[in-house]
């Protein structure tokens, strides 16, 4: 990936992170940790990888994203607003009465949301359904899905993990946001994922792993996933993203309490200013 492209993606991610922090601060509370850990992958997908049309959110041949960890909606809303799917002013209405931006993603309310999510453990199954429908309709688009590492405790994920290879859903590219923290503690404390790469390989997936905040590494992993998917024996892909929960906000980064935090205006403004002080 050329340095100019990387620099542009970093600049765009900075804007996404700024608006994510600002949006949650306007409400005063929200899922800051898990939203900030997926900023880079959302930026890469919507600004580099995905085929979408902001002017036509329901375009049938678009690539689709299932944000299974739907509580990270504020980050996705920031991306969609910046891409022009809806007015930027909507961001100030997060989770307020009459909003079109609830705290968890809702496809019936928000332009650009492809699947209602937030009931953890269900998103990968939904992505399988979307991919099956695309195969039946003969549409060669990609279905992306982001699951949380804590969410991986849910058994339904592993039913979907069996289904996707069986149905040869090679156009699914999934990501695990492996920030190693969940609501009540670390993933190792609550329920260790052990050899997470080995688990997915055993279930029949192509598996890759990279730094979830490093654009070139993620871009290469996606390219490898797409290349193997186009083979006759192609598999669905799982890319494990090593991330930091609360990335880019000093008041939240890596802290056990950052799943859902109270955020005042001053704290948010200091964090946003710091984003533009980084080299």
C-alpha atoms as a PDB file:
ATOM      1  CA  UNK A   1       0.000   0.000   0.000  1.00  0.00           C
ATOM      2  CA  UNK A   2       1.457   3.347  -1.060  1.00  0.00           C
ATOM      3  CA  UNK A   3       2.341   5.790   1.705  1.00  0.00           C
ATOM      4  CA  UNK A   4      -0.008   8.420   0.309  1.00  0.00           C
ATOM      5  CA  UNK A   5      -2.935   6.023   0.594  1.00  0.00           C
ATOM      6  CA  UNK A   6      -1.916   5.097   4.140  1.00  0.00           C
ATOM      7  CA  UNK A   7      -1.680   8.761   5.102  1.00  0.00           C
ATOM      8  CA  UNK A   8      -5.143   9.457   3.685  1.00  0.00           C
ATOM      9  CA  UNK A   9      -6.632   6.510   5.568  1.00  0.00           C
ATOM     10  CA  UNK A  10      -4.975   7.636   8.804  1.00  0.00           C
ATOM     11  CA  UNK A  11      -6.398  11.112   8.348  1.00  0.00           C
ATOM     12  CA  UNK A  12      -9.841   9.701   7.688  1.00  0.00           C
ATOM     13  CA  UNK A  13      -9.627   7.404  10.720  1.00  0.00           C
ATOM     14  CA  UNK A  14      -8.700  10.428  12.836  1.00  0.00           C
ATOM     15  CA  UNK A  15     -11.922  12.110  11.729  1.00  0.00           C
ATOM     16  CA  UNK A  16     -13.950   8.979  12.437  1.00  0.00           C
ATOM     17  CA  UNK A  17     -12.393   8.717  15.890  1.00  0.00           C
ATOM     18  CA  UNK A  18     -13.054  12.409  16.571  1.00  0.00           C
ATOM     19  CA  UNK A  19     -16.725  12.172  15.685  1.00  0.00           C
ATOM     20  CA  UNK A  20     -17.130   8.922  17.575  1.00  0.00           C
ATOM     21  CA  UNK A  21     -15.797  10.486  20.765  1.00  0.00           C
ATOM     22  CA  UNK A  22     -17.813  13.658  20.163  1.00  0.00           C
ATOM     23  CA  UNK A  23     -21.036  11.762  19.463  1.00  0.00           C
ATOM     24  CA  UNK A  24     -20.827   9.734  22.663  1.00  0.00           C
ATOM     25  CA  UNK A  25     -19.815  12.793  24.687  1.00  0.00           C
ATOM     26  CA  UNK A  26     -22.881  14.668  23.443  1.00  0.00           C
ATOM     27  CA  UNK A  27     -25.008  11.975  25.045  1.00  0.00           C
ATOM     28  CA  UNK A  28     -22.724  11.743  28.081  1.00  0.00           C
ATOM     29  CA  UNK A  29     -22.392   7.967  28.125  1.00  0.00           C
ATOM     30  CA  UNK A  30     -21.760   5.187  25.648  1.00  0.00           C
ATOM     31  CA  UNK A  31     -19.793   2.223  24.367  1.00  0.00           C
ATOM     32  CA  UNK A  32     -16.558   4.099  23.787  1.00  0.00           C
ATOM     33  CA  UNK A  33     -14.092   1.210  24.167  1.00  0.00           C
ATOM     34  CA  UNK A  34     -15.448  -1.162  21.547  1.00  0.00           C
ATOM     35  CA  UNK A  35     -16.292   1.668  19.183  1.00  0.00           C
ATOM     36  CA  UNK A  36     -12.764   3.027  19.100  1.00  0.00           C
ATOM     37  CA  UNK A  37     -11.143  -0.385  18.632  1.00  0.00           C
ATOM     38  CA  UNK A  38     -12.869  -0.855  15.249  1.00  0.00           C
ATOM     39  CA  UNK A  39     -12.258   2.612  13.775  1.00  0.00           C
ATOM     40  CA  UNK A  40      -9.411   1.496  11.492  1.00  0.00           C
ATOM     41  CA  UNK A  41     -11.144  -1.570  10.058  1.00  0.00           C
ATOM     42  CA  UNK A  42     -14.340   0.404   9.402  1.00  0.00           C
ATOM     43  CA  UNK A  43     -12.315   3.157   7.736  1.00  0.00           C
ATOM     44  CA  UNK A  44     -10.453   0.673   5.544  1.00  0.00           C
ATOM     45  CA  UNK A  45     -13.637  -1.120   4.520  1.00  0.00           C
ATOM     46  CA  UNK A  46     -15.713   1.938   3.632  1.00  0.00           C
ATOM     47  CA  UNK A  47     -12.947   4.069   2.130  1.00  0.00           C
ATOM     48  CA  UNK A  48     -10.953   1.391   0.335  1.00  0.00           C
ATOM     49  CA  UNK A  49     -12.539  -2.046   0.111  1.00  0.00           C
ATOM     50  CA  UNK A  50     -16.329  -1.959  -0.009  1.00  0.00           C
ATOM     51  CA  UNK A  51     -18.499  -1.292  -3.030  1.00  0.00           C
ATOM     52  CA  UNK A  52     -21.276   0.983  -1.730  1.00  0.00           C
ATOM     53  CA  UNK A  53     -23.309   3.996  -2.849  1.00  0.00           C
ATOM     54  CA  UNK A  54     -24.169   6.611  -0.249  1.00  0.00           C
ATOM     55  CA  UNK A  55     -26.889   7.963  -2.537  1.00  0.00           C
ATOM     56  CA  UNK A  56     -28.447   4.487  -2.801  1.00  0.00           C
ATOM     57  CA  UNK A  57     -27.990   2.670   0.546  1.00  0.00           C
ATOM     58  CA  UNK A  58     -30.167  -0.260  -0.586  1.00  0.00           C
ATOM     59  CA  UNK A  59     -28.342  -0.826  -3.883  1.00  0.00           C
ATOM     60  CA  UNK A  60     -28.777  -4.551  -4.442  1.00  0.00           C
ATOM     61  CA  UNK A  61     -25.244  -5.219  -5.652  1.00  0.00           C
ATOM     62  CA  UNK A  62     -23.498  -3.412  -2.812  1.00  0.00           C
ATOM     63  CA  UNK A  63     -21.046  -5.119  -0.498  1.00  0.00           C
ATOM     64  CA  UNK A  64     -22.600  -5.538   2.942  1.00  0.00           C
ATOM     65  CA  UNK A  65     -21.334  -5.181   6.471  1.00  0.00           C
ATOM     66  CA  UNK A  66     -22.770  -6.891   9.531  1.00  0.00           C
ATOM     67  CA  UNK A  67     -21.429  -5.177  12.654  1.00  0.00           C
ATOM     68  CA  UNK A  68     -22.309  -8.045  14.958  1.00  0.00           C
ATOM     69  CA  UNK A  69     -20.939  -6.155  17.960  1.00  0.00           C
ATOM     70  CA  UNK A  70     -23.700  -3.657  17.366  1.00  0.00           C
ATOM     71  CA  UNK A  71     -22.863  -1.586  20.453  1.00  0.00           C
ATOM     72  CA  UNK A  72     -19.973  -0.188  18.374  1.00  0.00           C
ATOM     73  CA  UNK A  73     -22.594   1.578  16.294  1.00  0.00           C
ATOM     74  CA  UNK A  74     -21.272   5.100  17.102  1.00  0.00           C
ATOM     75  CA  UNK A  75     -18.098   4.366  15.112  1.00  0.00           C
ATOM     76  CA  UNK A  76     -20.069   3.038  12.159  1.00  0.00           C
ATOM     77  CA  UNK A  77     -22.443   6.011  12.321  1.00  0.00           C
ATOM     78  CA  UNK A  78     -19.469   8.356  12.136  1.00  0.00           C
ATOM     79  CA  UNK A  79     -18.179   6.571   9.025  1.00  0.00           C
ATOM     80  CA  UNK A  80     -21.589   6.584   7.343  1.00  0.00           C
ATOM     81  CA  UNK A  81     -22.170  10.258   8.108  1.00  0.00           C
ATOM     82  CA  UNK A  82     -18.744  11.224   6.771  1.00  0.00           C
ATOM     83  CA  UNK A  83     -19.449   9.159   3.641  1.00  0.00           C
ATOM     84  CA  UNK A  84     -22.705  11.042   3.098  1.00  0.00           C
ATOM     85  CA  UNK A  85     -25.256   8.357   3.909  1.00  0.00           C
ATOM     86  CA  UNK A  86     -27.081  10.827   6.168  1.00  0.00           C
ATOM     87  CA  UNK A  87     -26.541  14.380   7.502  1.00  0.00           C
ATOM     88  CA  UNK A  88     -23.717  14.931   9.966  1.00  0.00           C
ATOM     89  CA  UNK A  89     -26.220  16.648  12.263  1.00  0.00           C
ATOM     90  CA  UNK A  90     -27.798  13.292  13.035  1.00  0.00           C
ATOM     91  CA  UNK A  91     -24.733  12.337  15.086  1.00  0.00           C
ATOM     92  CA  UNK A  92     -25.812  14.704  17.877  1.00  0.00           C
ATOM     93  CA  UNK A  93     -29.040  12.718  18.292  1.00  0.00           C
ATOM     94  CA  UNK A  94     -27.393   9.422  19.297  1.00  0.00           C
ATOM     95  CA  UNK A  95     -29.759   7.338  21.442  1.00  0.00           C
ATOM     96  CA  UNK A  96     -32.120  10.245  22.128  1.00  0.00           C
ATOM     97  CA  UNK A  97     -35.880  10.240  21.706  1.00  0.00           C
ATOM     98  CA  UNK A  98     -36.896  10.072  18.054  1.00  0.00           C
ATOM     99  CA  UNK A  99     -33.360   9.411  16.856  1.00  0.00           C
ATOM    100  CA  UNK A 100     -32.453   7.448  13.767  1.00  0.00           C
ATOM    101  CA  UNK A 101     -29.193   6.468  15.488  1.00  0.00           C
ATOM    102  CA  UNK A 102     -29.950   4.102  18.387  1.00  0.00           C
ATOM    103  CA  UNK A 103     -27.092   2.881  20.564  1.00  0.00           C
ATOM    104  CA  UNK A 104     -27.156  -0.459  18.694  1.00  0.00           C
ATOM    105  CA  UNK A 105     -27.397  -0.678  14.903  1.00  0.00           C
ATOM    106  CA  UNK A 106     -30.900  -0.842  13.378  1.00  0.00           C
ATOM    107  CA  UNK A 107     -31.308  -1.268   9.627  1.00  0.00           C
ATOM    108  CA  UNK A 108     -34.903  -0.027   9.765  1.00  0.00           C
ATOM    109  CA  UNK A 109     -33.814   3.345  11.137  1.00  0.00           C
ATOM    110  CA  UNK A 110     -30.372   4.191   9.751  1.00  0.00           C
ATOM    111  CA  UNK A 111     -29.428   4.538   6.051  1.00  0.00           C
ATOM    112  CA  UNK A 112     -26.388   2.376   5.322  1.00  0.00           C
ATOM    113  CA  UNK A 113     -26.930  -0.177   8.101  1.00  0.00           C
ATOM    114  CA  UNK A 114     -27.232  -3.577   6.422  1.00  0.00           C
ATOM    115  CA  UNK A 115     -28.315  -5.654   9.439  1.00  0.00           C
ATOM    116  CA  UNK A 116     -29.835  -4.903  12.830  1.00  0.00           C
ATOM    117  CA  UNK A 117     -27.385  -6.114  15.477  1.00  0.00           C
ATOM    118  CA  UNK A 118     -26.494  -5.888  19.121  1.00  0.00           C
ATOM    119  CA  UNK A 119     -27.932  -9.159  20.398  1.00  0.00           C
ATOM    120  CA  UNK A 120     -24.448 -10.585  20.642  1.00  0.00           C
ATOM    121  CA  UNK A 121     -23.601 -13.851  18.927  1.00  0.00           C
ATOM    122  CA  UNK A 122     -26.132 -13.552  16.114  1.00  0.00           C
ATOM    123  CA  UNK A 123     -24.353 -11.442  13.514  1.00  0.00           C
ATOM    124  CA  UNK A 124     -22.296 -14.182  11.904  1.00  0.00           C
ATOM    125  CA  UNK A 125     -25.432 -16.252  11.341  1.00  0.00           C
ATOM    126  CA  UNK A 126     -27.072 -13.231   9.709  1.00  0.00           C
ATOM    127  CA  UNK A 127     -24.023 -12.769   7.494  1.00  0.00           C
ATOM    128  CA  UNK A 128     -24.317 -16.400   6.403  1.00  0.00           C
ATOM    129  CA  UNK A 129     -27.930 -15.753   5.425  1.00  0.00           C
ATOM    130  CA  UNK A 130     -26.946 -12.702   3.391  1.00  0.00           C
ATOM    131  CA  UNK A 131     -24.169 -14.625   1.643  1.00  0.00           C
ATOM    132  CA  UNK A 132     -26.503 -17.526   0.827  1.00  0.00           C
ATOM    133  CA  UNK A 133     -29.051 -15.093  -0.619  1.00  0.00           C
ATOM    134  CA  UNK A 134     -26.357 -13.519  -2.784  1.00  0.00           C
ATOM    135  CA  UNK A 135     -25.335 -16.933  -4.114  1.00  0.00           C
ATOM    136  CA  UNK A 136     -28.938 -17.789  -4.946  1.00  0.00           C
ATOM    137  CA  UNK A 137     -29.360 -14.462  -6.742  1.00  0.00           C
ATOM    138  CA  UNK A 138     -26.044 -14.806  -8.573  1.00  0.00           C
ATOM    139  CA  UNK A 139     -24.635 -11.590  -7.122  1.00  0.00           C
ATOM    140  CA  UNK A 140     -20.854 -11.563  -6.696  1.00  0.00           C
ATOM    141  CA  UNK A 141     -20.569  -9.125  -3.830  1.00  0.00           C
ATOM    142  CA  UNK A 142     -18.764  -9.537  -0.512  1.00  0.00           C
ATOM    143  CA  UNK A 143     -20.290  -9.936   2.928  1.00  0.00           C
ATOM    144  CA  UNK A 144     -18.148  -8.544   5.725  1.00  0.00           C
ATOM    145  CA  UNK A 145     -18.844  -9.173   9.395  1.00  0.00           C
ATOM    146  CA  UNK A 146     -17.154  -7.882  12.557  1.00  0.00           C
ATOM    147  CA  UNK A 147     -17.553  -9.869  15.759  1.00  0.00           C
ATOM    148  CA  UNK A 148     -16.217  -9.100  19.214  1.00  0.00           C
ATOM    149  CA  UNK A 149     -13.838 -11.318  21.121  1.00  0.00           C
ATOM    150  CA  UNK A 150     -16.149 -11.383  24.145  1.00  0.00           C
ATOM    151  CA  UNK A 151     -19.032 -12.121  21.802  1.00  0.00           C
ATOM    152  CA  UNK A 152     -17.137 -15.168  20.601  1.00  0.00           C
ATOM    153  CA  UNK A 153     -18.212 -16.859  23.852  1.00  0.00           C
ATOM    154  CA  UNK A 154     -21.675 -17.201  22.341  1.00  0.00           C
ATOM    155  CA  UNK A 155     -22.375 -20.671  20.986  1.00  0.00           C
ATOM    156  CA  UNK A 156     -24.333 -19.504  17.965  1.00  0.00           C
ATOM    157  CA  UNK A 157     -21.099 -18.164  16.470  1.00  0.00           C
ATOM    158  CA  UNK A 158     -19.797 -21.705  16.246  1.00  0.00           C
ATOM    159  CA  UNK A 159     -22.946 -22.991  14.570  1.00  0.00           C
ATOM    160  CA  UNK A 160     -22.397 -20.330  11.906  1.00  0.00           C
ATOM    161  CA  UNK A 161     -18.715 -21.261  11.816  1.00  0.00           C
ATOM    162  CA  UNK A 162     -19.733 -24.776  10.778  1.00  0.00           C
ATOM    163  CA  UNK A 163     -22.375 -23.616   8.316  1.00  0.00           C
ATOM    164  CA  UNK A 164     -20.281 -21.210   6.258  1.00  0.00           C
ATOM    165  CA  UNK A 165     -17.665 -23.729   5.006  1.00  0.00           C
ATOM    166  CA  UNK A 166     -20.356 -26.371   4.494  1.00  0.00           C
ATOM    167  CA  UNK A 167     -22.279 -23.967   2.251  1.00  0.00           C
ATOM    168  CA  UNK A 168     -19.042 -22.830   0.590  1.00  0.00           C
ATOM    169  CA  UNK A 169     -19.668 -19.198   1.523  1.00  0.00           C
ATOM    170  CA  UNK A 170     -16.252 -18.085   0.371  1.00  0.00           C
ATOM    171  CA  UNK A 171     -17.388 -14.485  -0.097  1.00  0.00           C
ATOM    172  CA  UNK A 172     -17.724 -13.984   3.637  1.00  0.00           C
ATOM    173  CA  UNK A 173     -14.789 -12.104   5.162  1.00  0.00           C
ATOM    174  CA  UNK A 174     -15.122 -11.906   8.924  1.00  0.00           C
ATOM    175  CA  UNK A 175     -13.041 -10.055  11.490  1.00  0.00           C
ATOM    176  CA  UNK A 176     -12.614 -10.682  15.197  1.00  0.00           C
ATOM    177  CA  UNK A 177     -12.015  -7.456  17.101  1.00  0.00           C
ATOM    178  CA  UNK A 178      -9.525  -9.045  19.484  1.00  0.00           C
ATOM    179  CA  UNK A 179      -9.097  -6.230  22.003  1.00  0.00           C
ATOM    180  CA  UNK A 180      -8.907  -8.785  24.846  1.00  0.00           C
ATOM    181  CA  UNK A 181     -11.417  -6.980  27.069  1.00  0.00           C
ATOM    182  CA  UNK A 182     -15.125  -7.460  27.570  1.00  0.00           C
ATOM    183  CA  UNK A 183     -17.820  -6.107  29.859  1.00  0.00           C
ATOM    184  CA  UNK A 184     -16.716  -7.769  33.107  1.00  0.00           C
ATOM    185  CA  UNK A 185     -12.967  -8.211  32.643  1.00  0.00           C
ATOM    186  CA  UNK A 186     -10.376  -9.614  30.274  1.00  0.00           C
ATOM    187  CA  UNK A 187     -11.310 -12.328  27.826  1.00  0.00           C
ATOM    188  CA  UNK A 188      -8.788 -14.630  29.491  1.00  0.00           C
ATOM    189  CA  UNK A 189     -10.474 -14.125  32.857  1.00  0.00           C
ATOM    190  CA  UNK A 190     -14.053 -14.537  31.641  1.00  0.00           C
ATOM    191  CA  UNK A 191     -13.606 -17.359  29.119  1.00  0.00           C
ATOM    192  CA  UNK A 192     -10.275 -17.782  27.400  1.00  0.00           C
ATOM    193  CA  UNK A 193     -10.397 -18.055  23.613  1.00  0.00           C
ATOM    194  CA  UNK A 194      -7.244 -20.178  23.674  1.00  0.00           C
ATOM    195  CA  UNK A 195      -5.880 -20.901  20.212  1.00  0.00           C
ATOM    196  CA  UNK A 196      -8.387 -18.707  18.420  1.00  0.00           C
ATOM    197  CA  UNK A 197      -6.660 -19.076  15.051  1.00  0.00           C
ATOM    198  CA  UNK A 198      -6.566 -22.858  15.386  1.00  0.00           C
ATOM    199  CA  UNK A 199     -10.249 -22.988  16.310  1.00  0.00           C
ATOM    200  CA  UNK A 200     -11.346 -21.217  13.147  1.00  0.00           C
ATOM    201  CA  UNK A 201      -9.016 -23.288  10.978  1.00  0.00           C
ATOM    202  CA  UNK A 202     -10.448 -26.458  12.475  1.00  0.00           C
ATOM    203  CA  UNK A 203     -13.919 -25.273  11.531  1.00  0.00           C
ATOM    204  CA  UNK A 204     -12.753 -24.973   7.914  1.00  0.00           C
ATOM    205  CA  UNK A 205     -11.998 -21.275   7.554  1.00  0.00           C
ATOM    206  CA  UNK A 206      -9.092 -19.476   5.943  1.00  0.00           C
ATOM    207  CA  UNK A 207      -7.474 -17.640   8.860  1.00  0.00           C
ATOM    208  CA  UNK A 208      -5.175 -14.629   8.999  1.00  0.00           C
ATOM    209  CA  UNK A 209      -4.057 -12.356  11.817  1.00  0.00           C
ATOM    210  CA  UNK A 210      -2.723  -8.807  11.914  1.00  0.00           C
ATOM    211  CA  UNK A 211      -2.554  -5.500  13.764  1.00  0.00           C
ATOM    212  CA  UNK A 212      -6.084  -4.072  13.654  1.00  0.00           C
ATOM    213  CA  UNK A 213      -4.790  -0.511  13.699  1.00  0.00           C
ATOM    214  CA  UNK A 214      -2.270  -0.931  10.847  1.00  0.00           C
ATOM    215  CA  UNK A 215      -3.754  -0.257   7.424  1.00  0.00           C
ATOM    216  CA  UNK A 216      -1.149  -2.013   5.229  1.00  0.00           C
ATOM    217  CA  UNK A 217      -1.345  -5.222   7.275  1.00  0.00           C
ATOM    218  CA  UNK A 218      -5.143  -5.286   7.194  1.00  0.00           C
ATOM    219  CA  UNK A 219      -5.224  -4.499   3.484  1.00  0.00           C
ATOM    220  CA  UNK A 220      -2.842  -7.379   2.737  1.00  0.00           C
ATOM    221  CA  UNK A 221      -4.911  -9.762   4.877  1.00  0.00           C
ATOM    222  CA  UNK A 222      -8.084  -8.818   3.014  1.00  0.00           C
ATOM    223  CA  UNK A 223      -6.310  -9.256  -0.332  1.00  0.00           C
ATOM    224  CA  UNK A 224      -5.209 -12.748   0.704  1.00  0.00           C
ATOM    225  CA  UNK A 225      -8.742 -13.576   1.817  1.00  0.00           C
ATOM    226  CA  UNK A 226     -10.194 -12.465  -1.500  1.00  0.00           C
ATOM    227  CA  UNK A 227      -7.580 -14.315  -3.525  1.00  0.00           C
ATOM    228  CA  UNK A 228      -8.225 -17.639  -1.815  1.00  0.00           C
ATOM    229  CA  UNK A 229     -12.011 -17.101  -1.925  1.00  0.00           C
ATOM    230  CA  UNK A 230     -11.940 -17.058  -5.715  1.00  0.00           C
ATOM    231  CA  UNK A 231     -10.389 -20.514  -5.934  1.00  0.00           C
ATOM    232  CA  UNK A 232     -12.703 -23.432  -6.655  1.00  0.00           C
ATOM    233  CA  UNK A 233     -12.183 -24.745  -3.125  1.00  0.00           C
ATOM    234  CA  UNK A 234     -12.277 -21.272  -1.559  1.00  0.00           C
ATOM    235  CA  UNK A 235     -13.225 -20.923   2.090  1.00  0.00           C
ATOM    236  CA  UNK A 236     -14.834 -18.201   4.181  1.00  0.00           C
ATOM    237  CA  UNK A 237     -12.198 -16.066   5.874  1.00  0.00           C
ATOM    238  CA  UNK A 238     -11.635 -15.009   9.454  1.00  0.00           C
ATOM    239  CA  UNK A 239      -9.102 -12.258  10.081  1.00  0.00           C
ATOM    240  CA  UNK A 240      -8.097 -11.868  13.722  1.00  0.00           C
ATOM    241  CA  UNK A 241      -7.437  -8.193  14.441  1.00  0.00           C
ATOM    242  CA  UNK A 242      -5.238  -7.460  17.428  1.00  0.00           C
ATOM    243  CA  UNK A 243      -6.649  -4.175  18.698  1.00  0.00           C
ATOM    244  CA  UNK A 244      -6.685  -1.896  21.736  1.00  0.00           C
ATOM    245  CA  UNK A 245     -10.041  -1.219  23.333  1.00  0.00           C
ATOM    246  CA  UNK A 246     -10.552   2.535  23.576  1.00  0.00           C
ATOM    247  CA  UNK A 247      -7.729   3.181  21.093  1.00  0.00           C
ATOM    248  CA  UNK A 248      -6.883   6.855  20.701  1.00  0.00           C
ATOM    249  CA  UNK A 249      -8.622   8.213  23.795  1.00  0.00           C
ATOM    250  CA  UNK A 250      -6.312   8.406  26.805  1.00  0.00           C
ATOM    251  CA  UNK A 251      -9.197   8.407  29.270  1.00  0.00           C
ATOM    252  CA  UNK A 252     -10.414   5.053  27.951  1.00  0.00           C
ATOM    253  CA  UNK A 253      -7.558   3.274  26.185  1.00  0.00           C
ATOM    254  CA  UNK A 254      -6.999  -0.222  27.520  1.00  0.00           C
ATOM    255  CA  UNK A 255      -9.008   0.324  30.713  1.00  0.00           C
ATOM    256  CA  UNK A 256     -11.246  -2.371  32.170  1.00  0.00           C
ATOM    257  CA  UNK A 257     -14.017   0.174  32.715  1.00  0.00           C
ATOM    258  CA  UNK A 258     -14.198   1.365  29.106  1.00  0.00           C
ATOM    259  CA  UNK A 259     -16.958  -0.904  27.800  1.00  0.00           C
ATOM    260  CA  UNK A 260     -19.651   1.661  28.586  1.00  0.00           C
ATOM    261  CA  UNK A 261     -18.416   4.907  30.151  1.00  0.00           C
ATOM    262  CA  UNK A 262     -19.666   8.285  31.262  1.00  0.00           C
ATOM    263  CA  UNK A 263     -17.868  10.999  29.268  1.00  0.00           C
ATOM    264  CA  UNK A 264     -18.078  14.713  29.999  1.00  0.00           C
ATOM    265  CA  UNK A 265     -17.489  17.440  27.447  1.00  0.00           C
ATOM    266  CA  UNK A 266     -14.132  18.565  28.819  1.00  0.00           C
ATOM    267  CA  UNK A 267     -12.707  15.039  28.803  1.00  0.00           C
ATOM    268  CA  UNK A 268     -13.884  14.522  25.239  1.00  0.00           C
ATOM    269  CA  UNK A 269     -12.453  17.827  24.037  1.00  0.00           C
ATOM    270  CA  UNK A 270      -9.060  17.044  25.527  1.00  0.00           C
ATOM    271  CA  UNK A 271      -9.058  13.610  23.859  1.00  0.00           C
ATOM    272  CA  UNK A 272     -10.078  15.068  20.495  1.00  0.00           C
ATOM    273  CA  UNK A 273      -7.396  17.761  20.673  1.00  0.00           C
ATOM    274  CA  UNK A 274      -4.789  15.084  21.405  1.00  0.00           C
ATOM    275  CA  UNK A 275      -5.694  13.283  18.167  1.00  0.00           C
ATOM    276  CA  UNK A 276      -4.381  16.241  16.175  1.00  0.00           C
ATOM    277  CA  UNK A 277      -1.224  16.577  18.228  1.00  0.00           C
ATOM    278  CA  UNK A 278      -0.049  13.099  17.201  1.00  0.00           C
ATOM    279  CA  UNK A 279       2.532  12.886  14.446  1.00  0.00           C
END
